[in-house]
N, C-alpha and C. Protein backbone atom coordinates (compact mmCIF):
# COMPACT_ATOMS: atom_id res chain seq x y z
N MET A 1 9.18 0.66 19.94
CA MET A 1 9.03 0.27 18.56
C MET A 1 8.42 1.44 17.79
N ASN A 2 8.96 1.75 16.64
CA ASN A 2 8.47 2.83 15.79
C ASN A 2 7.40 2.30 14.85
N ARG A 3 6.59 3.22 14.33
CA ARG A 3 5.56 2.86 13.37
C ARG A 3 5.89 3.48 12.01
N TYR A 4 5.61 2.72 10.96
CA TYR A 4 5.87 3.16 9.60
C TYR A 4 4.66 2.88 8.73
N MET A 5 4.37 3.81 7.83
CA MET A 5 3.30 3.59 6.87
C MET A 5 3.93 3.21 5.53
N LEU A 6 3.48 2.11 4.99
CA LEU A 6 3.86 1.72 3.65
C LEU A 6 2.76 2.22 2.73
N ILE A 7 3.07 3.15 1.87
CA ILE A 7 2.11 3.69 0.93
C ILE A 7 2.29 2.91 -0.37
N LEU A 8 1.26 2.20 -0.78
CA LEU A 8 1.33 1.29 -1.91
C LEU A 8 0.89 2.01 -3.18
N TRP A 9 1.78 2.05 -4.15
CA TRP A 9 1.55 2.76 -5.41
C TRP A 9 1.48 1.77 -6.57
N GLY A 10 0.46 1.91 -7.40
CA GLY A 10 0.39 1.17 -8.65
C GLY A 10 -0.05 -0.27 -8.51
N GLY A 11 0.06 -0.97 -9.63
CA GLY A 11 -0.31 -2.37 -9.68
C GLY A 11 -1.65 -2.63 -10.33
N ASP A 12 -2.56 -1.64 -10.28
CA ASP A 12 -3.91 -1.86 -10.82
C ASP A 12 -3.90 -2.16 -12.32
N ALA A 13 -3.05 -1.48 -13.08
CA ALA A 13 -3.01 -1.71 -14.52
C ALA A 13 -2.59 -3.15 -14.83
N ARG A 14 -1.65 -3.65 -14.06
CA ARG A 14 -1.18 -5.03 -14.27
C ARG A 14 -2.26 -6.03 -13.87
N ILE A 15 -2.95 -5.76 -12.77
CA ILE A 15 -4.02 -6.66 -12.32
C ILE A 15 -5.15 -6.69 -13.35
N ALA A 16 -5.44 -5.55 -13.97
CA ALA A 16 -6.51 -5.49 -14.96
C ALA A 16 -6.26 -6.43 -16.14
N LYS A 17 -5.02 -6.78 -16.38
CA LYS A 17 -4.66 -7.67 -17.50
C LYS A 17 -4.58 -9.13 -17.09
N MET A 18 -4.78 -9.42 -15.79
CA MET A 18 -4.67 -10.79 -15.30
C MET A 18 -5.99 -11.54 -15.46
N SER A 19 -5.86 -12.85 -15.58
CA SER A 19 -7.05 -13.71 -15.58
C SER A 19 -7.56 -13.83 -14.14
N PRO A 20 -8.81 -14.25 -13.96
CA PRO A 20 -9.31 -14.45 -12.60
C PRO A 20 -8.44 -15.40 -11.78
N ASP A 21 -7.93 -16.45 -12.39
CA ASP A 21 -7.06 -17.39 -11.66
C ASP A 21 -5.76 -16.72 -11.23
N GLN A 22 -5.20 -15.88 -12.10
CA GLN A 22 -3.96 -15.17 -11.76
C GLN A 22 -4.20 -14.18 -10.62
N ILE A 23 -5.35 -13.50 -10.66
CA ILE A 23 -5.69 -12.56 -9.58
C ILE A 23 -5.85 -13.31 -8.27
N GLN A 24 -6.53 -14.44 -8.30
CA GLN A 24 -6.72 -15.23 -7.09
C GLN A 24 -5.37 -15.69 -6.54
N ASP A 25 -4.48 -16.12 -7.40
CA ASP A 25 -3.14 -16.54 -6.97
C ASP A 25 -2.38 -15.37 -6.35
N HIS A 26 -2.47 -14.22 -6.98
CA HIS A 26 -1.79 -13.03 -6.45
C HIS A 26 -2.35 -12.65 -5.08
N MET A 27 -3.66 -12.72 -4.93
CA MET A 27 -4.28 -12.38 -3.65
C MET A 27 -3.86 -13.35 -2.54
N LYS A 28 -3.60 -14.60 -2.89
CA LYS A 28 -3.08 -15.55 -1.91
C LYS A 28 -1.72 -15.10 -1.40
N HIS A 29 -0.90 -14.51 -2.27
CA HIS A 29 0.40 -13.99 -1.85
C HIS A 29 0.22 -12.86 -0.83
N TRP A 30 -0.79 -12.00 -1.07
CA TRP A 30 -1.07 -10.93 -0.13
C TRP A 30 -1.50 -11.50 1.23
N THR A 31 -2.39 -12.49 1.20
CA THR A 31 -2.86 -13.10 2.44
C THR A 31 -1.70 -13.72 3.21
N THR A 32 -0.85 -14.44 2.50
CA THR A 32 0.31 -15.07 3.14
C THR A 32 1.24 -14.02 3.74
N TRP A 33 1.51 -12.95 3.00
CA TRP A 33 2.42 -11.91 3.48
C TRP A 33 1.84 -11.19 4.70
N MET A 34 0.57 -10.79 4.61
CA MET A 34 -0.06 -10.08 5.72
C MET A 34 -0.18 -10.97 6.96
N ASP A 35 -0.53 -12.23 6.77
CA ASP A 35 -0.60 -13.17 7.90
C ASP A 35 0.77 -13.33 8.55
N GLY A 36 1.82 -13.38 7.72
CA GLY A 36 3.18 -13.49 8.25
C GLY A 36 3.57 -12.27 9.07
N LEU A 37 3.19 -11.08 8.59
CA LEU A 37 3.48 -9.85 9.35
C LEU A 37 2.75 -9.87 10.69
N ALA A 38 1.49 -10.33 10.67
CA ALA A 38 0.72 -10.41 11.92
C ALA A 38 1.36 -11.38 12.90
N LYS A 39 1.80 -12.54 12.41
CA LYS A 39 2.43 -13.53 13.29
C LYS A 39 3.74 -13.02 13.87
N GLN A 40 4.45 -12.17 13.12
CA GLN A 40 5.69 -11.58 13.61
C GLN A 40 5.43 -10.45 14.61
N GLY A 41 4.18 -10.00 14.68
CA GLY A 41 3.82 -8.92 15.59
C GLY A 41 4.19 -7.54 15.06
N VAL A 42 4.39 -7.41 13.74
CA VAL A 42 4.79 -6.12 13.19
C VAL A 42 3.66 -5.43 12.41
N LEU A 43 2.57 -6.13 12.15
CA LEU A 43 1.45 -5.54 11.42
C LEU A 43 0.60 -4.71 12.37
N ASP A 44 0.33 -3.46 11.98
CA ASP A 44 -0.48 -2.57 12.81
C ASP A 44 -1.66 -2.03 12.02
N GLY A 45 -1.97 -2.64 10.88
CA GLY A 45 -3.12 -2.24 10.08
C GLY A 45 -2.78 -2.16 8.61
N GLY A 46 -3.80 -2.02 7.80
CA GLY A 46 -3.60 -1.87 6.37
C GLY A 46 -4.82 -2.30 5.60
N GLU A 47 -5.06 -1.64 4.48
CA GLU A 47 -6.22 -1.92 3.65
C GLU A 47 -5.93 -1.48 2.22
N PRO A 48 -6.60 -2.11 1.25
CA PRO A 48 -6.55 -1.57 -0.11
C PRO A 48 -7.45 -0.34 -0.17
N LEU A 49 -7.21 0.52 -1.14
CA LEU A 49 -8.01 1.72 -1.32
C LEU A 49 -8.77 1.63 -2.63
N GLY A 50 -9.95 2.22 -2.67
CA GLY A 50 -10.72 2.30 -3.89
C GLY A 50 -10.11 3.29 -4.86
N SER A 51 -10.53 3.23 -6.11
CA SER A 51 -9.96 4.11 -7.12
C SER A 51 -10.62 5.49 -7.17
N GLU A 52 -11.83 5.62 -6.65
CA GLU A 52 -12.49 6.92 -6.64
C GLU A 52 -11.83 7.81 -5.60
N ALA A 53 -11.67 9.09 -5.94
CA ALA A 53 -11.06 10.02 -4.98
C ALA A 53 -11.62 11.41 -5.20
N ARG A 54 -11.60 12.20 -4.17
CA ARG A 54 -11.98 13.61 -4.24
C ARG A 54 -10.90 14.39 -3.51
N LEU A 55 -10.66 15.60 -3.95
CA LEU A 55 -9.67 16.47 -3.33
C LEU A 55 -10.36 17.64 -2.66
N VAL A 56 -9.95 17.96 -1.45
CA VAL A 56 -10.41 19.14 -0.73
C VAL A 56 -9.14 19.92 -0.41
N LYS A 57 -9.05 21.18 -0.91
CA LYS A 57 -7.78 21.90 -0.69
C LYS A 57 -8.00 23.40 -0.68
N GLY A 58 -7.01 24.09 -0.19
CA GLY A 58 -7.00 25.55 -0.21
C GLY A 58 -7.90 26.17 0.82
N ALA A 59 -7.83 27.50 0.89
CA ALA A 59 -8.58 28.26 1.89
C ALA A 59 -10.09 28.12 1.72
N LYS A 60 -10.56 28.03 0.49
CA LYS A 60 -12.00 27.93 0.25
C LYS A 60 -12.49 26.49 0.27
N LYS A 61 -11.58 25.54 0.31
CA LYS A 61 -11.86 24.11 0.43
C LYS A 61 -12.85 23.57 -0.60
N PRO A 62 -12.67 23.90 -1.86
CA PRO A 62 -13.56 23.30 -2.86
C PRO A 62 -13.31 21.81 -2.96
N VAL A 63 -14.35 21.06 -3.27
CA VAL A 63 -14.24 19.61 -3.45
C VAL A 63 -14.24 19.34 -4.95
N THR A 64 -13.20 18.67 -5.43
CA THR A 64 -13.09 18.35 -6.84
C THR A 64 -12.82 16.87 -7.01
N ASP A 65 -13.22 16.34 -8.16
CA ASP A 65 -12.88 14.96 -8.48
C ASP A 65 -11.38 14.87 -8.72
N GLY A 66 -10.82 13.71 -8.48
CA GLY A 66 -9.40 13.52 -8.72
C GLY A 66 -8.83 12.66 -7.63
N PRO A 67 -7.57 12.52 -7.49
CA PRO A 67 -6.55 13.05 -8.40
C PRO A 67 -6.53 12.25 -9.69
N TYR A 68 -6.18 12.89 -10.76
CA TYR A 68 -6.10 12.22 -12.05
C TYR A 68 -4.65 11.83 -12.31
N THR A 69 -4.36 10.60 -12.06
CA THR A 69 -3.02 10.08 -12.28
C THR A 69 -3.12 8.80 -13.08
N GLU A 70 -2.02 8.42 -13.69
CA GLU A 70 -1.99 7.14 -14.36
C GLU A 70 -2.12 6.04 -13.32
N ALA A 71 -2.67 4.90 -13.72
CA ALA A 71 -2.87 3.80 -12.78
C ALA A 71 -1.56 3.39 -12.10
N LYS A 72 -0.45 3.48 -12.82
CA LYS A 72 0.82 3.08 -12.22
C LYS A 72 1.28 4.07 -11.16
N GLU A 73 0.65 5.26 -11.12
CA GLU A 73 1.04 6.28 -10.15
C GLU A 73 0.01 6.47 -9.04
N ALA A 74 -1.08 5.72 -9.06
CA ALA A 74 -2.14 5.89 -8.08
C ALA A 74 -1.81 5.15 -6.79
N VAL A 75 -2.20 5.75 -5.67
CA VAL A 75 -2.07 5.08 -4.38
C VAL A 75 -3.17 4.04 -4.32
N THR A 76 -2.80 2.78 -4.08
CA THR A 76 -3.78 1.69 -4.11
C THR A 76 -4.02 1.06 -2.75
N GLY A 77 -3.24 1.45 -1.75
CA GLY A 77 -3.44 0.90 -0.42
C GLY A 77 -2.37 1.36 0.54
N TYR A 78 -2.46 0.85 1.76
CA TYR A 78 -1.47 1.18 2.78
C TYR A 78 -1.34 0.02 3.76
N VAL A 79 -0.18 -0.03 4.39
CA VAL A 79 0.07 -0.98 5.47
C VAL A 79 0.80 -0.18 6.56
N ILE A 80 0.46 -0.43 7.80
CA ILE A 80 1.18 0.19 8.90
C ILE A 80 1.95 -0.90 9.63
N LEU A 81 3.25 -0.67 9.77
CA LEU A 81 4.15 -1.63 10.40
C LEU A 81 4.72 -1.07 11.68
N LYS A 82 5.12 -1.97 12.57
CA LYS A 82 5.93 -1.62 13.73
C LYS A 82 7.32 -2.20 13.47
N ALA A 83 8.33 -1.37 13.57
CA ALA A 83 9.70 -1.82 13.32
C ALA A 83 10.66 -0.98 14.16
N GLU A 84 11.83 -1.54 14.41
CA GLU A 84 12.83 -0.85 15.22
C GLU A 84 13.45 0.34 14.51
N SER A 85 13.50 0.28 13.17
CA SER A 85 14.16 1.35 12.42
C SER A 85 13.60 1.42 11.00
N MET A 86 13.93 2.50 10.31
CA MET A 86 13.55 2.64 8.91
C MET A 86 14.16 1.51 8.08
N ASP A 87 15.42 1.17 8.37
CA ASP A 87 16.07 0.08 7.63
C ASP A 87 15.33 -1.23 7.81
N LYS A 88 14.88 -1.51 9.03
CA LYS A 88 14.13 -2.75 9.29
C LYS A 88 12.78 -2.71 8.57
N ALA A 89 12.11 -1.56 8.59
CA ALA A 89 10.83 -1.44 7.88
C ALA A 89 11.02 -1.68 6.38
N CYS A 90 12.10 -1.14 5.83
CA CYS A 90 12.38 -1.35 4.39
C CYS A 90 12.68 -2.81 4.10
N GLU A 91 13.36 -3.47 5.01
CA GLU A 91 13.67 -4.89 4.82
C GLU A 91 12.38 -5.71 4.82
N ILE A 92 11.48 -5.42 5.75
CA ILE A 92 10.19 -6.11 5.80
C ILE A 92 9.41 -5.88 4.51
N THR A 93 9.48 -4.68 3.98
CA THR A 93 8.75 -4.28 2.79
C THR A 93 9.15 -5.10 1.56
N LYS A 94 10.37 -5.57 1.52
CA LYS A 94 10.87 -6.29 0.34
C LYS A 94 10.05 -7.54 0.02
N GLY A 95 9.28 -8.06 0.98
CA GLY A 95 8.44 -9.23 0.74
C GLY A 95 7.06 -8.89 0.20
N CYS A 96 6.77 -7.60 0.01
CA CYS A 96 5.44 -7.17 -0.40
C CYS A 96 5.07 -7.69 -1.79
N PRO A 97 3.89 -8.31 -1.93
CA PRO A 97 3.45 -8.83 -3.22
C PRO A 97 3.22 -7.76 -4.29
N LEU A 98 3.16 -6.50 -3.92
CA LEU A 98 2.98 -5.44 -4.90
C LEU A 98 4.12 -5.42 -5.92
N PHE A 99 5.30 -5.85 -5.49
CA PHE A 99 6.44 -5.86 -6.41
C PHE A 99 6.25 -6.86 -7.54
N GLU A 100 5.42 -7.88 -7.33
CA GLU A 100 5.14 -8.88 -8.36
C GLU A 100 4.39 -8.27 -9.55
N ILE A 101 3.70 -7.15 -9.30
CA ILE A 101 2.92 -6.51 -10.36
C ILE A 101 3.46 -5.10 -10.66
N GLU A 102 4.76 -4.96 -10.47
CA GLU A 102 5.46 -3.71 -10.83
C GLU A 102 5.02 -2.49 -10.04
N GLY A 103 4.57 -2.71 -8.80
CA GLY A 103 4.19 -1.59 -7.96
C GLY A 103 5.38 -1.02 -7.21
N THR A 104 5.12 0.04 -6.48
CA THR A 104 6.13 0.75 -5.70
C THR A 104 5.61 0.88 -4.27
N VAL A 105 6.52 0.78 -3.31
CA VAL A 105 6.15 0.96 -1.91
C VAL A 105 6.97 2.12 -1.35
N GLU A 106 6.27 3.11 -0.84
CA GLU A 106 6.90 4.24 -0.17
C GLU A 106 6.85 3.98 1.32
N VAL A 107 7.97 4.06 2.00
CA VAL A 107 8.04 3.81 3.44
C VAL A 107 8.22 5.15 4.14
N ARG A 108 7.28 5.47 5.03
CA ARG A 108 7.32 6.76 5.74
C ARG A 108 7.17 6.52 7.24
N PRO A 109 8.00 7.18 8.06
CA PRO A 109 7.81 7.06 9.51
C PRO A 109 6.55 7.81 9.92
N ILE A 110 5.85 7.25 10.90
CA ILE A 110 4.70 7.91 11.48
C ILE A 110 5.19 8.62 12.72
N ARG A 111 5.03 9.93 12.74
CA ARG A 111 5.52 10.72 13.88
C ARG A 111 4.46 10.76 14.97
N ALA A 112 4.89 10.79 16.19
CA ALA A 112 3.98 10.90 17.32
C ALA A 112 3.43 12.32 17.38
N MET A 113 2.19 12.46 17.76
CA MET A 113 1.58 13.80 17.92
C MET A 113 1.93 14.35 19.28
């Protein structure tokens, strides 16, 4: 079985406009989806990410605040799946609640070291 990382982009701007009841309802969709993945035996991890970020890059490795992106372009979380193929991972992804709030899911294979 191969492993895939679902990189979750966006959604925060839409959530910021929701009422507490709407947020709670949306979070129930996440719980249902993640529980379903676990029961299918395809969930291998995943968490939401905070909005604060720092960048460390280049030969001198300076630490800077950032990245500065629009909320719709920010990485907001990740999920790791086990699937037989990229096509199967993409099919599983179609149930992701992030699509309800206009988010994007990037599916990437995890290569063995």
